[in-house]
Amino acid sequence: MVRCNTSKLMLVGAFAIGGASVISMAFKVAQATPPQGVTATLLAGPVELDEFDVMVQTDDYTAHAKTHGVSDAFITHLAIAPGGNTGWHSHAGLVFALVRSGELTLYDDEFTRSVYPAGTGLTEEPGHVHIGVNEGDTDLELVIFFLSPRGAGTRIDQPAPQP
């Protein structure tokens, strides 16, 4: 009899822990902020890139890029309708974004506001939590180059930060 009750208690405990885990995971997913008014078109990728170490240097310019391990590269065209946004997110790798038309307003998790008009660009570092917003009245177009660790993808959904 004792074994039966102990087994039942263990089974109930396992279900309780499993149920709590599912609820916890569902709550975490529910906190993510999905994009609104965004159309993403993958232009290329994922393309596997071996390790590289490239240096360009002239009298008035220096650029250096180096990876360790295999990378995935992607190029995406992102169109954001007026009032649309990317949802809060971060990236596992480097991001180079070029603003083709419209104006990108970027907020980070400390609610710092940066504005990028057409003809400008920006870079983002891994782990930088942010949201891109089209606060204008015309479509916003971005061409984005992602350089991510192999298998990491281009985006990590994040919950909206609290002010």
N, C-alpha and C. Protein backbone atom coordinates (compact mmCIF):
# COMPACT_ATOMS: atom_id res chain seq x y z
N MET A 1 0.81 -1.19 0.00
CA MET A 1 0.00 0.00 0.00
C MET A 1 0.86 1.27 0.00
N VAL A 2 1.91 1.25 0.77
CA VAL A 2 2.78 2.42 0.84
C VAL A 2 3.41 2.70 -0.52
N ARG A 3 3.84 1.64 -1.20
CA ARG A 3 4.44 1.83 -2.52
C ARG A 3 3.45 2.45 -3.49
N CYS A 4 2.23 2.03 -3.45
CA CYS A 4 1.21 2.56 -4.35
C CYS A 4 1.01 4.05 -4.10
N ASN A 5 0.90 4.44 -2.83
CA ASN A 5 0.71 5.86 -2.51
C ASN A 5 1.94 6.68 -2.88
N THR A 6 3.13 6.12 -2.64
CA THR A 6 4.36 6.82 -2.99
C THR A 6 4.45 6.99 -4.50
N SER A 7 4.10 5.95 -5.24
CA SER A 7 4.14 6.03 -6.70
C SER A 7 3.14 7.07 -7.20
N LYS A 8 1.95 7.07 -6.60
CA LYS A 8 0.94 8.06 -7.00
C LYS A 8 1.43 9.47 -6.72
N LEU A 9 2.03 9.67 -5.55
CA LEU A 9 2.53 11.00 -5.21
C LEU A 9 3.64 11.43 -6.17
N MET A 10 4.51 10.50 -6.52
CA MET A 10 5.58 10.83 -7.47
C MET A 10 5.00 11.18 -8.83
N LEU A 11 3.98 10.42 -9.25
CA LEU A 11 3.35 10.68 -10.54
C LEU A 11 2.65 12.03 -10.54
N VAL A 12 1.93 12.34 -9.48
CA VAL A 12 1.26 13.64 -9.37
C VAL A 12 2.29 14.76 -9.36
N GLY A 13 3.39 14.56 -8.63
CA GLY A 13 4.45 15.56 -8.58
C GLY A 13 5.06 15.79 -9.95
N ALA A 14 5.30 14.71 -10.68
CA ALA A 14 5.88 14.84 -12.03
C ALA A 14 4.95 15.62 -12.95
N PHE A 15 3.65 15.31 -12.87
CA PHE A 15 2.69 16.05 -13.70
C PHE A 15 2.63 17.52 -13.29
N ALA A 16 2.71 17.78 -11.99
CA ALA A 16 2.66 19.17 -11.51
C ALA A 16 3.86 19.95 -12.02
N ILE A 17 5.05 19.34 -11.94
CA ILE A 17 6.26 20.02 -12.42
C ILE A 17 6.18 20.21 -13.93
N GLY A 18 5.74 19.17 -14.64
CA GLY A 18 5.59 19.28 -16.09
C GLY A 18 4.60 20.36 -16.47
N GLY A 19 3.47 20.40 -15.78
CA GLY A 19 2.46 21.42 -16.06
C GLY A 19 2.97 22.81 -15.78
N ALA A 20 3.70 22.97 -14.67
CA ALA A 20 4.27 24.28 -14.34
C ALA A 20 5.28 24.70 -15.40
N SER A 21 6.05 23.75 -15.92
CA SER A 21 7.02 24.07 -16.97
C SER A 21 6.32 24.54 -18.23
N VAL A 22 5.24 23.84 -18.61
CA VAL A 22 4.48 24.24 -19.80
C VAL A 22 3.89 25.62 -19.62
N ILE A 23 3.31 25.88 -18.46
CA ILE A 23 2.73 27.20 -18.18
C ILE A 23 3.81 28.27 -18.22
N SER A 24 4.97 27.97 -17.63
CA SER A 24 6.08 28.91 -17.63
C SER A 24 6.54 29.21 -19.05
N MET A 25 6.66 28.17 -19.89
CA MET A 25 7.08 28.36 -21.28
C MET A 25 6.03 29.16 -22.04
N ALA A 26 4.76 28.87 -21.83
CA ALA A 26 3.69 29.60 -22.51
C ALA A 26 3.71 31.06 -22.10
N PHE A 27 3.97 31.35 -20.80
CA PHE A 27 4.03 32.72 -20.32
C PHE A 27 5.19 33.45 -20.98
N LYS A 28 6.34 32.78 -21.09
CA LYS A 28 7.51 33.39 -21.72
C LYS A 28 7.23 33.72 -23.18
N VAL A 29 6.60 32.80 -23.91
CA VAL A 29 6.26 33.04 -25.31
C VAL A 29 5.26 34.18 -25.41
N ALA A 30 4.31 34.22 -24.48
CA ALA A 30 3.29 35.26 -24.52
C ALA A 30 3.88 36.65 -24.33
N GLN A 31 5.05 36.74 -23.71
CA GLN A 31 5.67 38.05 -23.47
C GLN A 31 6.36 38.60 -24.71
N ALA A 32 6.65 37.74 -25.67
CA ALA A 32 7.33 38.22 -26.88
C ALA A 32 6.43 39.20 -27.62
N THR A 33 7.05 40.14 -28.32
CA THR A 33 6.29 41.13 -29.07
C THR A 33 6.51 40.89 -30.56
N PRO A 34 5.52 40.34 -31.24
CA PRO A 34 5.69 40.02 -32.66
C PRO A 34 5.70 41.29 -33.52
N PRO A 35 6.32 41.19 -34.71
CA PRO A 35 6.30 42.32 -35.64
C PRO A 35 4.87 42.66 -36.07
N GLN A 36 4.65 43.94 -36.40
CA GLN A 36 3.35 44.39 -36.91
C GLN A 36 3.59 45.24 -38.15
N GLY A 37 2.88 44.92 -39.24
CA GLY A 37 3.00 45.70 -40.46
C GLY A 37 4.33 45.49 -41.17
N VAL A 38 4.95 44.32 -40.96
CA VAL A 38 6.27 44.04 -41.53
C VAL A 38 6.16 42.94 -42.58
N THR A 39 6.81 43.16 -43.71
CA THR A 39 6.96 42.12 -44.73
C THR A 39 8.45 41.88 -44.91
N ALA A 40 8.87 40.64 -44.62
CA ALA A 40 10.28 40.27 -44.74
C ALA A 40 10.45 39.35 -45.93
N THR A 41 11.40 39.68 -46.80
CA THR A 41 11.71 38.86 -47.96
C THR A 41 13.18 38.45 -47.88
N LEU A 42 13.41 37.16 -47.75
CA LEU A 42 14.78 36.66 -47.72
C LEU A 42 15.35 36.71 -49.14
N LEU A 43 16.41 37.48 -49.33
CA LEU A 43 17.04 37.62 -50.65
C LEU A 43 18.15 36.59 -50.85
N ALA A 44 18.82 36.22 -49.78
CA ALA A 44 19.89 35.22 -49.86
C ALA A 44 20.14 34.64 -48.48
N GLY A 45 20.45 33.35 -48.45
CA GLY A 45 20.84 32.72 -47.20
C GLY A 45 19.83 31.70 -46.72
N PRO A 46 20.23 30.93 -45.74
CA PRO A 46 21.54 31.04 -45.12
C PRO A 46 22.65 30.53 -46.03
N VAL A 47 23.74 31.26 -46.05
CA VAL A 47 24.93 30.89 -46.80
C VAL A 47 26.03 30.64 -45.77
N GLU A 48 26.65 29.47 -45.83
CA GLU A 48 27.68 29.12 -44.86
C GLU A 48 28.99 29.81 -45.23
N LEU A 49 29.59 30.47 -44.24
CA LEU A 49 30.89 31.11 -44.42
C LEU A 49 31.89 30.50 -43.45
N ASP A 50 33.04 30.12 -43.97
CA ASP A 50 34.11 29.64 -43.11
C ASP A 50 34.68 30.81 -42.30
N GLU A 51 35.53 30.48 -41.35
CA GLU A 51 36.21 31.52 -40.58
C GLU A 51 36.92 32.48 -41.53
N PHE A 52 36.97 33.76 -41.13
CA PHE A 52 37.73 34.72 -41.94
C PHE A 52 38.33 35.78 -41.04
N ASP A 53 39.36 36.40 -41.55
CA ASP A 53 40.04 37.51 -40.89
C ASP A 53 40.45 38.47 -42.00
N VAL A 54 39.68 39.55 -42.16
CA VAL A 54 39.87 40.48 -43.27
C VAL A 54 40.19 41.86 -42.71
N MET A 55 41.18 42.50 -43.29
CA MET A 55 41.56 43.85 -42.86
C MET A 55 41.72 44.73 -44.08
N VAL A 56 41.09 45.90 -44.04
CA VAL A 56 41.25 46.91 -45.08
C VAL A 56 41.81 48.14 -44.39
N GLN A 57 42.89 48.66 -44.92
CA GLN A 57 43.48 49.83 -44.28
C GLN A 57 44.08 50.76 -45.33
N THR A 58 43.66 52.02 -45.26
CA THR A 58 44.25 53.07 -46.08
C THR A 58 44.67 54.18 -45.13
N ASP A 59 45.10 55.30 -45.68
CA ASP A 59 45.53 56.41 -44.82
C ASP A 59 44.39 56.95 -43.95
N ASP A 60 43.16 56.93 -44.47
CA ASP A 60 42.04 57.52 -43.72
C ASP A 60 40.90 56.56 -43.42
N TYR A 61 41.15 55.26 -43.55
CA TYR A 61 40.06 54.30 -43.31
C TYR A 61 40.63 52.96 -42.86
N THR A 62 39.98 52.36 -41.89
CA THR A 62 40.35 51.02 -41.44
C THR A 62 39.08 50.23 -41.15
N ALA A 63 39.04 49.00 -41.62
CA ALA A 63 37.93 48.09 -41.28
C ALA A 63 38.55 46.72 -41.03
N HIS A 64 38.03 46.04 -40.00
CA HIS A 64 38.55 44.72 -39.66
C HIS A 64 37.38 43.82 -39.27
N ALA A 65 37.31 42.68 -39.89
CA ALA A 65 36.27 41.70 -39.56
C ALA A 65 36.93 40.34 -39.38
N LYS A 66 36.56 39.67 -38.29
CA LYS A 66 37.17 38.38 -37.98
C LYS A 66 36.12 37.49 -37.33
N THR A 67 36.06 36.24 -37.77
CA THR A 67 35.16 35.28 -37.14
C THR A 67 35.97 34.09 -36.66
N HIS A 68 35.40 33.39 -35.71
CA HIS A 68 35.97 32.12 -35.23
C HIS A 68 34.82 31.13 -35.27
N GLY A 69 34.95 30.10 -36.07
CA GLY A 69 33.85 29.15 -36.26
C GLY A 69 33.07 29.49 -37.51
N VAL A 70 32.18 28.59 -37.87
CA VAL A 70 31.38 28.75 -39.09
C VAL A 70 30.25 29.75 -38.84
N SER A 71 29.98 30.59 -39.84
CA SER A 71 28.91 31.59 -39.76
C SER A 71 27.85 31.29 -40.80
N ASP A 72 26.64 31.80 -40.55
CA ASP A 72 25.58 31.85 -41.54
C ASP A 72 25.40 33.31 -41.93
N ALA A 73 25.29 33.57 -43.22
CA ALA A 73 25.04 34.92 -43.71
C ALA A 73 23.67 34.95 -44.39
N PHE A 74 22.94 36.04 -44.16
CA PHE A 74 21.61 36.24 -44.73
C PHE A 74 21.52 37.67 -45.24
N ILE A 75 20.76 37.87 -46.30
CA ILE A 75 20.38 39.22 -46.73
C ILE A 75 18.86 39.24 -46.84
N THR A 76 18.26 40.21 -46.18
CA THR A 76 16.81 40.31 -46.11
C THR A 76 16.35 41.71 -46.50
N HIS A 77 15.26 41.78 -47.24
CA HIS A 77 14.59 43.05 -47.52
C HIS A 77 13.41 43.13 -46.55
N LEU A 78 13.36 44.22 -45.79
CA LEU A 78 12.30 44.40 -44.80
C LEU A 78 11.51 45.64 -45.17
N ALA A 79 10.19 45.49 -45.32
CA ALA A 79 9.30 46.63 -45.57
C ALA A 79 8.41 46.78 -44.34
N ILE A 80 8.36 47.99 -43.81
CA ILE A 80 7.55 48.26 -42.62
C ILE A 80 6.55 49.36 -42.97
N ALA A 81 5.28 49.04 -42.85
CA ALA A 81 4.21 50.00 -43.16
C ALA A 81 4.19 51.11 -42.11
N PRO A 82 3.62 52.27 -42.45
CA PRO A 82 3.49 53.34 -41.46
C PRO A 82 2.79 52.81 -40.20
N GLY A 83 3.36 53.13 -39.05
CA GLY A 83 2.82 52.66 -37.78
C GLY A 83 3.26 51.25 -37.40
N GLY A 84 3.97 50.56 -38.31
CA GLY A 84 4.41 49.20 -38.04
C GLY A 84 5.70 49.17 -37.23
N ASN A 85 6.03 47.98 -36.74
CA ASN A 85 7.27 47.82 -35.98
C ASN A 85 7.78 46.39 -36.07
N THR A 86 9.03 46.21 -35.72
CA THR A 86 9.68 44.90 -35.79
C THR A 86 9.39 44.01 -34.58
N GLY A 87 8.76 44.54 -33.56
CA GLY A 87 8.64 43.82 -32.30
C GLY A 87 9.98 43.87 -31.59
N TRP A 88 9.96 43.70 -30.28
CA TRP A 88 11.21 43.72 -29.51
C TRP A 88 11.98 42.45 -29.82
N HIS A 89 13.26 42.60 -30.10
CA HIS A 89 14.10 41.46 -30.46
C HIS A 89 15.57 41.80 -30.27
N SER A 90 16.40 40.78 -30.43
CA SER A 90 17.85 40.96 -30.48
C SER A 90 18.37 40.00 -31.54
N HIS A 91 19.69 39.95 -31.68
CA HIS A 91 20.32 39.09 -32.68
C HIS A 91 21.48 38.35 -32.04
N ALA A 92 21.76 37.16 -32.55
CA ALA A 92 22.88 36.36 -32.04
C ALA A 92 24.21 36.78 -32.67
N GLY A 93 24.14 37.49 -33.79
CA GLY A 93 25.36 37.89 -34.50
C GLY A 93 25.32 39.35 -34.87
N LEU A 94 26.18 39.73 -35.79
CA LEU A 94 26.27 41.12 -36.25
C LEU A 94 25.19 41.43 -37.28
N VAL A 95 24.73 42.67 -37.28
CA VAL A 95 23.72 43.12 -38.23
C VAL A 95 24.17 44.44 -38.85
N PHE A 96 24.05 44.51 -40.19
CA PHE A 96 24.30 45.75 -40.92
C PHE A 96 22.99 46.09 -41.62
N ALA A 97 22.37 47.22 -41.27
CA ALA A 97 21.08 47.61 -41.84
C ALA A 97 21.24 48.89 -42.65
N LEU A 98 20.72 48.87 -43.88
CA LEU A 98 20.76 50.03 -44.77
C LEU A 98 19.33 50.51 -44.99
N VAL A 99 19.09 51.80 -44.76
CA VAL A 99 17.75 52.36 -44.93
C VAL A 99 17.61 52.84 -46.38
N ARG A 100 16.77 52.14 -47.14
CA ARG A 100 16.57 52.48 -48.56
C ARG A 100 15.57 53.62 -48.74
N SER A 101 14.48 53.57 -47.99
CA SER A 101 13.47 54.63 -48.09
C SER A 101 12.74 54.74 -46.76
N GLY A 102 12.15 55.90 -46.55
CA GLY A 102 11.46 56.15 -45.29
C GLY A 102 12.45 56.53 -44.20
N GLU A 103 12.03 56.32 -42.96
CA GLU A 103 12.86 56.68 -41.82
C GLU A 103 12.66 55.65 -40.72
N LEU A 104 13.75 55.07 -40.25
CA LEU A 104 13.73 54.09 -39.18
C LEU A 104 13.93 54.78 -37.84
N THR A 105 13.03 54.52 -36.91
CA THR A 105 13.23 54.97 -35.53
C THR A 105 13.51 53.73 -34.71
N LEU A 106 14.63 53.74 -34.02
CA LEU A 106 15.08 52.59 -33.25
C LEU A 106 15.06 52.94 -31.77
N TYR A 107 14.43 52.09 -30.98
CA TYR A 107 14.43 52.24 -29.52
C TYR A 107 15.14 51.03 -28.93
N ASP A 108 16.00 51.27 -27.93
CA ASP A 108 16.63 50.13 -27.26
C ASP A 108 15.92 49.87 -25.94
N ASP A 109 16.40 48.89 -25.18
CA ASP A 109 15.71 48.49 -23.96
C ASP A 109 15.81 49.53 -22.84
N GLU A 110 16.57 50.60 -23.06
CA GLU A 110 16.60 51.72 -22.12
C GLU A 110 15.80 52.90 -22.69
N PHE A 111 15.07 52.64 -23.78
CA PHE A 111 14.20 53.60 -24.47
C PHE A 111 14.96 54.79 -25.06
N THR A 112 16.23 54.55 -25.40
CA THR A 112 16.99 55.55 -26.14
C THR A 112 16.48 55.53 -27.57
N ARG A 113 16.22 56.70 -28.12
CA ARG A 113 15.65 56.83 -29.47
C ARG A 113 16.72 57.29 -30.45
N SER A 114 16.85 56.56 -31.56
CA SER A 114 17.76 56.94 -32.64
C SER A 114 16.97 56.93 -33.95
N VAL A 115 17.26 57.90 -34.82
CA VAL A 115 16.52 58.02 -36.08
C VAL A 115 17.51 57.89 -37.24
N TYR A 116 17.12 57.07 -38.23
CA TYR A 116 17.95 56.81 -39.40
C TYR A 116 17.12 57.07 -40.66
N PRO A 117 17.38 58.19 -41.36
CA PRO A 117 16.64 58.48 -42.61
C PRO A 117 17.19 57.67 -43.78
N ALA A 118 16.47 57.68 -44.89
CA ALA A 118 16.92 57.01 -46.11
C ALA A 118 18.33 57.46 -46.46
N GLY A 119 19.14 56.51 -46.90
CA GLY A 119 20.51 56.81 -47.27
C GLY A 119 21.50 56.66 -46.13
N THR A 120 21.01 56.25 -44.95
CA THR A 120 21.91 56.01 -43.83
C THR A 120 21.84 54.53 -43.46
N GLY A 121 22.66 54.14 -42.53
CA GLY A 121 22.68 52.76 -42.08
C GLY A 121 23.14 52.67 -40.66
N LEU A 122 23.10 51.45 -40.14
CA LEU A 122 23.51 51.22 -38.76
C LEU A 122 24.00 49.80 -38.61
N THR A 123 24.73 49.57 -37.54
CA THR A 123 25.14 48.22 -37.17
C THR A 123 24.56 47.92 -35.80
N GLU A 124 24.33 46.65 -35.57
CA GLU A 124 23.83 46.21 -34.27
C GLU A 124 24.71 45.07 -33.77
N GLU A 125 25.00 45.10 -32.49
CA GLU A 125 25.82 44.06 -31.88
C GLU A 125 24.94 42.95 -31.32
N PRO A 126 25.50 41.76 -31.18
CA PRO A 126 24.73 40.65 -30.60
C PRO A 126 24.20 41.01 -29.22
N GLY A 127 22.97 40.59 -28.94
CA GLY A 127 22.36 40.80 -27.62
C GLY A 127 21.72 42.15 -27.40
N HIS A 128 21.87 43.09 -28.33
CA HIS A 128 21.29 44.43 -28.19
C HIS A 128 19.77 44.34 -28.39
N VAL A 129 19.01 44.52 -27.32
CA VAL A 129 17.54 44.43 -27.37
C VAL A 129 16.99 45.75 -27.90
N HIS A 130 16.13 45.67 -28.93
CA HIS A 130 15.63 46.88 -29.57
C HIS A 130 14.34 46.60 -30.34
N ILE A 131 13.72 47.69 -30.80
CA ILE A 131 12.55 47.62 -31.67
C ILE A 131 12.72 48.70 -32.74
N GLY A 132 12.45 48.34 -33.99
CA GLY A 132 12.47 49.29 -35.09
C GLY A 132 11.04 49.70 -35.41
N VAL A 133 10.81 51.00 -35.52
CA VAL A 133 9.45 51.52 -35.71
C VAL A 133 9.42 52.45 -36.92
N ASN A 134 8.33 52.35 -37.69
CA ASN A 134 8.10 53.31 -38.77
C ASN A 134 7.12 54.34 -38.24
N GLU A 135 7.64 55.46 -37.78
CA GLU A 135 6.79 56.53 -37.24
C GLU A 135 6.37 57.52 -38.32
N GLY A 136 6.79 57.26 -39.56
CA GLY A 136 6.46 58.15 -40.67
C GLY A 136 5.14 57.77 -41.33
N ASP A 137 4.84 58.46 -42.44
CA ASP A 137 3.59 58.20 -43.16
C ASP A 137 3.83 57.53 -44.52
N THR A 138 5.07 57.07 -44.76
CA THR A 138 5.39 56.31 -45.97
C THR A 138 6.06 54.99 -45.57
N ASP A 139 6.08 54.05 -46.50
CA ASP A 139 6.73 52.77 -46.20
C ASP A 139 8.21 52.96 -45.90
N LEU A 140 8.69 52.15 -44.98
CA LEU A 140 10.10 52.11 -44.63
C LEU A 140 10.69 50.85 -45.25
N GLU A 141 11.80 50.98 -45.97
CA GLU A 141 12.46 49.82 -46.58
C GLU A 141 13.88 49.70 -46.06
N LEU A 142 14.23 48.49 -45.63
CA LEU A 142 15.58 48.21 -45.15
C LEU A 142 16.15 47.03 -45.92
N VAL A 143 17.43 47.07 -46.18
CA VAL A 143 18.15 45.91 -46.67
C VAL A 143 19.13 45.56 -45.55
N ILE A 144 19.05 44.31 -45.08
CA ILE A 144 19.79 43.93 -43.88
C ILE A 144 20.70 42.75 -44.18
N PHE A 145 21.95 42.86 -43.73
CA PHE A 145 22.92 41.76 -43.82
C PHE A 145 23.13 41.24 -42.40
N PHE A 146 22.85 39.95 -42.20
CA PHE A 146 23.03 39.29 -40.92
C PHE A 146 24.24 38.36 -41.01
N LEU A 147 25.12 38.40 -40.04
CA LEU A 147 26.24 37.47 -39.91
C LEU A 147 26.10 36.82 -38.54
N SER A 148 25.64 35.58 -38.53
CA SER A 148 25.27 34.89 -37.28
C SER A 148 26.11 33.64 -37.08
N PRO A 149 26.28 33.21 -35.83
CA PRO A 149 26.88 31.91 -35.59
C PRO A 149 26.05 30.83 -36.28
N ARG A 150 26.70 29.81 -36.78
CA ARG A 150 26.03 28.71 -37.50
C ARG A 150 24.80 28.22 -36.75
N GLY A 151 23.63 28.24 -37.42
CA GLY A 151 22.40 27.72 -36.85
C GLY A 151 21.64 28.66 -35.93
N ALA A 152 22.16 29.86 -35.69
CA ALA A 152 21.52 30.78 -34.73
C ALA A 152 20.37 31.58 -35.32
N GLY A 153 20.24 31.62 -36.64
CA GLY A 153 19.15 32.40 -37.25
C GLY A 153 19.44 33.88 -37.23
N THR A 154 18.39 34.66 -37.51
CA THR A 154 18.57 36.11 -37.64
C THR A 154 17.94 36.91 -36.51
N ARG A 155 17.07 36.28 -35.72
CA ARG A 155 16.29 37.05 -34.75
C ARG A 155 16.02 36.23 -33.50
N ILE A 156 16.05 36.93 -32.35
CA ILE A 156 15.67 36.34 -31.07
C ILE A 156 14.56 37.22 -30.50
N ASP A 157 13.32 36.71 -30.44
CA ASP A 157 12.23 37.49 -29.87
C ASP A 157 12.52 37.82 -28.41
N GLN A 158 12.13 39.04 -28.01
CA GLN A 158 12.36 39.50 -26.63
C GLN A 158 11.07 40.10 -26.09
N PRO A 159 10.86 40.01 -24.77
CA PRO A 159 9.71 40.69 -24.18
C PRO A 159 9.93 42.21 -24.21
N ALA A 160 8.84 42.95 -24.20
CA ALA A 160 8.94 44.41 -24.15
C ALA A 160 9.52 44.82 -22.81
N PRO A 161 10.54 45.68 -22.80
CA PRO A 161 11.10 46.12 -21.54
C PRO A 161 10.12 47.02 -20.78
N GLN A 162 10.27 47.05 -19.50
CA GLN A 162 9.41 47.88 -18.66
C GLN A 162 10.08 49.24 -18.44
N PRO A 163 9.32 50.33 -18.64
CA PRO A 163 9.92 51.67 -18.45
C PRO A 163 10.28 51.94 -17.00
